[in-house]
């Protein structure tokens, strides 16, 4: 299973989202959900998505979305799904919000350390990294791909990522987060993973 971790240092954690852009660009997270989990007329069964919201009023909030046979998530209801997750989050607990959807208050460091304890190959998307086409298939097959939104990462988080995980590049151009996810899905789909 491939895993995407999308970090948003400004995405609001209030359970009422009135304006997607004004609430720390929640729209980027919605596009990331669509790019990672949906394909034409289907829900990807081989992808897990982690959204980390670090904005006000109370962060972090960590949302996990993955395939479930009884999942009824539709693209038009994603804002409501995020609001429901933020409303149901409980300190120190992982709560199931919907089939295949969970929320807790873990930060990115904790999530990365959990992935490392499972011996996952973790990649930090960065222009200075090794190109995805030059990375061994075995490393990519069940990879974990860490991306930031339009603002990227705060200094402390970026330093942690650079120190603890391998950098991966999609080339010299900078892409939107959702575009980068689509490119990674495309590359891995073509490898037959």
C-alpha atoms as a PDB file:
ATOM      1  CA  UNK A   1       0.000   0.000   0.000  1.00  0.00           C
ATOM      2  CA  UNK A   2       1.274   3.450  -0.876  1.00  0.00           C
ATOM      3  CA  UNK A   3       0.857   6.208   1.685  1.00  0.00           C
ATOM      4  CA  UNK A   4       0.679   9.965   1.298  1.00  0.00           C
ATOM      5  CA  UNK A   5       1.200  12.374   4.188  1.00  0.00           C
ATOM      6  CA  UNK A   6       0.089  15.940   3.443  1.00  0.00           C
ATOM      7  CA  UNK A   7       1.140  18.578   5.964  1.00  0.00           C
ATOM      8  CA  UNK A   8      -0.575  21.953   6.212  1.00  0.00           C
ATOM      9  CA  UNK A   9       0.938  24.390   8.678  1.00  0.00           C
ATOM     10  CA  UNK A  10      -1.993  26.814   8.349  1.00  0.00           C
ATOM     11  CA  UNK A  11      -5.089  24.624   7.770  1.00  0.00           C
ATOM     12  CA  UNK A  12      -7.614  25.570  10.444  1.00  0.00           C
ATOM     13  CA  UNK A  13      -8.681  22.977  12.977  1.00  0.00           C
ATOM     14  CA  UNK A  14     -12.079  24.496  13.744  1.00  0.00           C
ATOM     15  CA  UNK A  15     -14.958  22.136  12.855  1.00  0.00           C
ATOM     16  CA  UNK A  16     -16.726  24.931  10.966  1.00  0.00           C
ATOM     17  CA  UNK A  17     -15.198  25.716   7.586  1.00  0.00           C
ATOM     18  CA  UNK A  18     -16.876  28.733   6.027  1.00  0.00           C
ATOM     19  CA  UNK A  19     -14.296  29.631   3.390  1.00  0.00           C
ATOM     20  CA  UNK A  20     -11.883  26.973   2.128  1.00  0.00           C
ATOM     21  CA  UNK A  21      -9.149  29.453   1.214  1.00  0.00           C
ATOM     22  CA  UNK A  22      -9.508  31.724   4.250  1.00  0.00           C
ATOM     23  CA  UNK A  23      -9.342  28.714   6.590  1.00  0.00           C
ATOM     24  CA  UNK A  24      -5.706  28.019   5.743  1.00  0.00           C
ATOM     25  CA  UNK A  25      -6.261  26.679   2.235  1.00  0.00           C
ATOM     26  CA  UNK A  26      -8.356  23.651   3.152  1.00  0.00           C
ATOM     27  CA  UNK A  27      -9.060  23.481  -0.594  1.00  0.00           C
ATOM     28  CA  UNK A  28      -5.532  22.099  -1.085  1.00  0.00           C
ATOM     29  CA  UNK A  29      -6.354  19.252   1.298  1.00  0.00           C
ATOM     30  CA  UNK A  30      -9.580  18.503  -0.591  1.00  0.00           C
ATOM     31  CA  UNK A  31      -7.679  18.372  -3.895  1.00  0.00           C
ATOM     32  CA  UNK A  32      -5.137  16.069  -2.223  1.00  0.00           C
ATOM     33  CA  UNK A  33      -7.903  13.687  -1.147  1.00  0.00           C
ATOM     34  CA  UNK A  34      -9.238  13.529  -4.704  1.00  0.00           C
ATOM     35  CA  UNK A  35      -5.780  13.075  -6.284  1.00  0.00           C
ATOM     36  CA  UNK A  36      -4.665  10.377  -3.885  1.00  0.00           C
ATOM     37  CA  UNK A  37      -7.798   8.304  -3.337  1.00  0.00           C
ATOM     38  CA  UNK A  38      -9.971   8.651  -6.423  1.00  0.00           C
ATOM     39  CA  UNK A  39      -9.488   7.374  -9.953  1.00  0.00           C
ATOM     40  CA  UNK A  40     -12.078   7.571 -12.703  1.00  0.00           C
ATOM     41  CA  UNK A  41     -15.324   6.083 -11.331  1.00  0.00           C
ATOM     42  CA  UNK A  42     -13.535   4.279  -8.516  1.00  0.00           C
ATOM     43  CA  UNK A  43     -11.933   4.625  -5.088  1.00  0.00           C
ATOM     44  CA  UNK A  44      -8.298   3.465  -4.958  1.00  0.00           C
ATOM     45  CA  UNK A  45      -7.878   0.393  -2.766  1.00  0.00           C
ATOM     46  CA  UNK A  46      -4.081   0.659  -2.528  1.00  0.00           C
ATOM     47  CA  UNK A  47      -3.702   4.125  -0.997  1.00  0.00           C
ATOM     48  CA  UNK A  48      -3.780   5.550   2.511  1.00  0.00           C
ATOM     49  CA  UNK A  49      -3.831   9.324   3.010  1.00  0.00           C
ATOM     50  CA  UNK A  50      -2.800  11.211   6.145  1.00  0.00           C
ATOM     51  CA  UNK A  51      -3.728  14.887   6.453  1.00  0.00           C
ATOM     52  CA  UNK A  52      -2.011  16.899   9.173  1.00  0.00           C
ATOM     53  CA  UNK A  53      -3.658  20.216  10.022  1.00  0.00           C
ATOM     54  CA  UNK A  54      -1.529  22.589  12.092  1.00  0.00           C
ATOM     55  CA  UNK A  55      -3.588  25.779  12.083  1.00  0.00           C
ATOM     56  CA  UNK A  56      -5.701  27.450  14.757  1.00  0.00           C
ATOM     57  CA  UNK A  57      -7.467  27.069  17.079  1.00  0.00           C
ATOM     58  CA  UNK A  58      -6.147  23.718  18.365  1.00  0.00           C
ATOM     59  CA  UNK A  59      -3.552  21.717  16.484  1.00  0.00           C
ATOM     60  CA  UNK A  60      -2.415  19.213  15.523  1.00  0.00           C
ATOM     61  CA  UNK A  61      -5.268  17.308  13.937  1.00  0.00           C
ATOM     62  CA  UNK A  62      -4.458  14.152  11.981  1.00  0.00           C
ATOM     63  CA  UNK A  63      -6.994  12.656   9.572  1.00  0.00           C
ATOM     64  CA  UNK A  64      -6.490   9.232   7.960  1.00  0.00           C
ATOM     65  CA  UNK A  65      -8.530   8.194   4.922  1.00  0.00           C
ATOM     66  CA  UNK A  66      -8.251   4.772   3.276  1.00  0.00           C
ATOM     67  CA  UNK A  67     -10.287   2.294   1.282  1.00  0.00           C
ATOM     68  CA  UNK A  68     -13.116   0.466   3.016  1.00  0.00           C
ATOM     69  CA  UNK A  69     -15.571  -1.754   1.166  1.00  0.00           C
ATOM     70  CA  UNK A  70     -18.506   0.099   2.742  1.00  0.00           C
ATOM     71  CA  UNK A  71     -17.055   3.554   2.168  1.00  0.00           C
ATOM     72  CA  UNK A  72     -19.601   6.010   0.819  1.00  0.00           C
ATOM     73  CA  UNK A  73     -17.324   9.050   0.529  1.00  0.00           C
ATOM     74  CA  UNK A  74     -18.086  11.219  -2.476  1.00  0.00           C
ATOM     75  CA  UNK A  75     -16.016  14.082  -3.847  1.00  0.00           C
ATOM     76  CA  UNK A  76     -18.814  16.591  -3.302  1.00  0.00           C
ATOM     77  CA  UNK A  77     -18.982  15.878   0.454  1.00  0.00           C
ATOM     78  CA  UNK A  78     -15.285  16.159   1.325  1.00  0.00           C
ATOM     79  CA  UNK A  79     -15.625  19.504   3.148  1.00  0.00           C
ATOM     80  CA  UNK A  80     -18.327  17.990   5.360  1.00  0.00           C
ATOM     81  CA  UNK A  81     -16.102  14.973   5.986  1.00  0.00           C
ATOM     82  CA  UNK A  82     -13.221  17.203   7.167  1.00  0.00           C
ATOM     83  CA  UNK A  83     -15.609  19.155   9.418  1.00  0.00           C
ATOM     84  CA  UNK A  84     -16.944  15.909  10.878  1.00  0.00           C
ATOM     85  CA  UNK A  85     -13.398  14.710  11.588  1.00  0.00           C
ATOM     86  CA  UNK A  86     -12.459  17.973  13.301  1.00  0.00           C
ATOM     87  CA  UNK A  87     -15.661  17.919  15.371  1.00  0.00           C
ATOM     88  CA  UNK A  88     -15.137  14.313  16.543  1.00  0.00           C
ATOM     89  CA  UNK A  89     -11.404  14.485  17.379  1.00  0.00           C
ATOM     90  CA  UNK A  90     -10.601  13.556  20.987  1.00  0.00           C
ATOM     91  CA  UNK A  91      -7.319  14.245  22.729  1.00  0.00           C
ATOM     92  CA  UNK A  92      -5.059  11.187  22.904  1.00  0.00           C
ATOM     93  CA  UNK A  93      -7.483   8.881  21.059  1.00  0.00           C
ATOM     94  CA  UNK A  94      -7.997   7.682  17.510  1.00  0.00           C
ATOM     95  CA  UNK A  95     -11.668   7.965  16.584  1.00  0.00           C
ATOM     96  CA  UNK A  96     -13.352   6.290  13.607  1.00  0.00           C
ATOM     97  CA  UNK A  97     -15.493   8.939  11.948  1.00  0.00           C
ATOM     98  CA  UNK A  98     -16.708   6.976   8.930  1.00  0.00           C
ATOM     99  CA  UNK A  99     -15.824   3.695   7.212  1.00  0.00           C
ATOM    100  CA  UNK A 100     -12.110   4.047   6.456  1.00  0.00           C
ATOM    101  CA  UNK A 101     -11.838   7.514   8.029  1.00  0.00           C
ATOM    102  CA  UNK A 102     -10.111   8.191  11.363  1.00  0.00           C
ATOM    103  CA  UNK A 103      -8.976  11.248  13.302  1.00  0.00           C
ATOM    104  CA  UNK A 104      -6.583  11.858  16.197  1.00  0.00           C
ATOM    105  CA  UNK A 105      -4.218  14.550  17.466  1.00  0.00           C
ATOM    106  CA  UNK A 106      -0.835  13.099  16.437  1.00  0.00           C
ATOM    107  CA  UNK A 107       1.852  15.374  15.029  1.00  0.00           C
ATOM    108  CA  UNK A 108       4.002  14.659  11.979  1.00  0.00           C
ATOM    109  CA  UNK A 109       7.013  13.539  14.007  1.00  0.00           C
ATOM    110  CA  UNK A 110       4.952  10.863  15.769  1.00  0.00           C
ATOM    111  CA  UNK A 111       3.468   9.664  12.476  1.00  0.00           C
ATOM    112  CA  UNK A 112       6.892   9.459  10.781  1.00  0.00           C
ATOM    113  CA  UNK A 113       8.328   7.562  13.758  1.00  0.00           C
ATOM    114  CA  UNK A 114       5.405   5.105  13.621  1.00  0.00           C
ATOM    115  CA  UNK A 115       6.042   4.541   9.902  1.00  0.00           C
ATOM    116  CA  UNK A 116       9.757   4.032  10.583  1.00  0.00           C
ATOM    117  CA  UNK A 117       8.958   1.433  13.260  1.00  0.00           C
ATOM    118  CA  UNK A 118       7.057  -0.482  10.536  1.00  0.00           C
ATOM    119  CA  UNK A 119      10.206  -0.340   8.342  1.00  0.00           C
ATOM    120  CA  UNK A 120       8.451   1.748   5.698  1.00  0.00           C
ATOM    121  CA  UNK A 121      10.464   3.533   3.013  1.00  0.00           C
ATOM    122  CA  UNK A 122       9.667   7.183   3.653  1.00  0.00           C
ATOM    123  CA  UNK A 123      10.321   9.969   1.166  1.00  0.00           C
ATOM    124  CA  UNK A 124      10.220  13.730   1.658  1.00  0.00           C
ATOM    125  CA  UNK A 125       9.252  15.424  -1.629  1.00  0.00           C
ATOM    126  CA  UNK A 126      11.964  17.975  -2.308  1.00  0.00           C
ATOM    127  CA  UNK A 127      13.501  19.315  -5.541  1.00  0.00           C
ATOM    128  CA  UNK A 128      17.024  18.449  -4.310  1.00  0.00           C
ATOM    129  CA  UNK A 129      16.176  14.773  -3.796  1.00  0.00           C
ATOM    130  CA  UNK A 130      16.867  11.716  -5.904  1.00  0.00           C
ATOM    131  CA  UNK A 131      14.565  11.598  -8.931  1.00  0.00           C
ATOM    132  CA  UNK A 132      11.645   9.172  -8.638  1.00  0.00           C
ATOM    133  CA  UNK A 133      12.691   7.462 -11.899  1.00  0.00           C
ATOM    134  CA  UNK A 134      16.147   6.775 -10.409  1.00  0.00           C
ATOM    135  CA  UNK A 135      14.750   5.204  -7.233  1.00  0.00           C
ATOM    136  CA  UNK A 136      14.597   1.420  -6.915  1.00  0.00           C
ATOM    137  CA  UNK A 137      11.184  -0.101  -7.511  1.00  0.00           C
ATOM    138  CA  UNK A 138      11.436  -2.093  -4.282  1.00  0.00           C
ATOM    139  CA  UNK A 139      11.837   1.122  -2.293  1.00  0.00           C
ATOM    140  CA  UNK A 140       8.850   2.799  -3.948  1.00  0.00           C
ATOM    141  CA  UNK A 141       6.404  -0.117  -3.914  1.00  0.00           C
ATOM    142  CA  UNK A 142       4.979   0.468  -0.428  1.00  0.00           C
ATOM    143  CA  UNK A 143       6.471   3.913  -0.018  1.00  0.00           C
ATOM    144  CA  UNK A 144       5.363   6.752   2.215  1.00  0.00           C
ATOM    145  CA  UNK A 145       5.434  10.152   0.482  1.00  0.00           C
ATOM    146  CA  UNK A 146       5.526  13.312   2.615  1.00  0.00           C
ATOM    147  CA  UNK A 147       4.341  16.538   0.994  1.00  0.00           C
ATOM    148  CA  UNK A 148       3.606  20.043   2.189  1.00  0.00           C
ATOM    149  CA  UNK A 149       0.896  22.389   0.991  1.00  0.00           C
ATOM    150  CA  UNK A 150       1.592  25.730  -0.766  1.00  0.00           C
ATOM    151  CA  UNK A 151       3.364  27.044   2.358  1.00  0.00           C
ATOM    152  CA  UNK A 152       5.531  23.966   2.825  1.00  0.00           C
ATOM    153  CA  UNK A 153       6.836  23.176   6.299  1.00  0.00           C
ATOM    154  CA  UNK A 154       7.808  25.279   9.268  1.00  0.00           C
ATOM    155  CA  UNK A 155      11.562  25.419   9.941  1.00  0.00           C
ATOM    156  CA  UNK A 156      11.571  22.868  12.771  1.00  0.00           C
ATOM    157  CA  UNK A 157       9.522  20.311  10.828  1.00  0.00           C
ATOM    158  CA  UNK A 158      11.588  20.773   7.663  1.00  0.00           C
ATOM    159  CA  UNK A 159      14.789  20.234   9.649  1.00  0.00           C
ATOM    160  CA  UNK A 160      13.339  17.039  11.179  1.00  0.00           C
ATOM    161  CA  UNK A 161      12.299  15.714   7.759  1.00  0.00           C
ATOM    162  CA  UNK A 162      15.643  16.484   6.100  1.00  0.00           C
ATOM    163  CA  UNK A 163      17.507  14.817   8.941  1.00  0.00           C
ATOM    164  CA  UNK A 164      15.367  11.688   9.233  1.00  0.00           C
ATOM    165  CA  UNK A 165      14.030  10.699   5.820  1.00  0.00           C
ATOM    166  CA  UNK A 166      15.218  10.408   2.231  1.00  0.00           C
ATOM    167  CA  UNK A 167      14.449  13.196  -0.215  1.00  0.00           C
ATOM    168  CA  UNK A 168      12.651  12.401  -3.459  1.00  0.00           C
ATOM    169  CA  UNK A 169      12.266  14.648  -6.486  1.00  0.00           C
ATOM    170  CA  UNK A 170       9.768  14.742  -9.342  1.00  0.00           C
ATOM    171  CA  UNK A 171      12.150  16.928 -11.354  1.00  0.00           C
ATOM    172  CA  UNK A 172      13.151  20.586 -11.530  1.00  0.00           C
ATOM    173  CA  UNK A 173       9.604  21.980 -11.697  1.00  0.00           C
ATOM    174  CA  UNK A 174       7.528  22.682  -8.602  1.00  0.00           C
ATOM    175  CA  UNK A 175       4.035  21.193  -8.728  1.00  0.00           C
ATOM    176  CA  UNK A 176       0.877  21.739  -6.723  1.00  0.00           C
ATOM    177  CA  UNK A 177       0.546  19.189  -3.924  1.00  0.00           C
ATOM    178  CA  UNK A 178      -2.348  17.445  -5.669  1.00  0.00           C
ATOM    179  CA  UNK A 179      -0.402  17.355  -8.953  1.00  0.00           C
ATOM    180  CA  UNK A 180       2.605  15.793  -7.217  1.00  0.00           C
ATOM    181  CA  UNK A 181       0.322  13.099  -5.772  1.00  0.00           C
ATOM    182  CA  UNK A 182      -1.116  12.415  -9.240  1.00  0.00           C
ATOM    183  CA  UNK A 183       2.391  12.101 -10.700  1.00  0.00           C
ATOM    184  CA  UNK A 184       3.446   9.667  -7.966  1.00  0.00           C
ATOM    185  CA  UNK A 185       0.281   7.601  -8.453  1.00  0.00           C
ATOM    186  CA  UNK A 186       0.935   7.575 -12.204  1.00  0.00           C
ATOM    187  CA  UNK A 187       4.539   6.443 -11.762  1.00  0.00           C
ATOM    188  CA  UNK A 188       3.615   3.689  -9.323  1.00  0.00           C
ATOM    189  CA  UNK A 189       0.599   2.560 -11.365  1.00  0.00           C
ATOM    190  CA  UNK A 190       2.881   2.170 -14.399  1.00  0.00           C
ATOM    191  CA  UNK A 191       5.239   0.011 -12.364  1.00  0.00           C
ATOM    192  CA  UNK A 192       2.310  -2.282 -11.593  1.00  0.00           C
ATOM    193  CA  UNK A 193       2.227  -1.604  -7.850  1.00  0.00           C
END
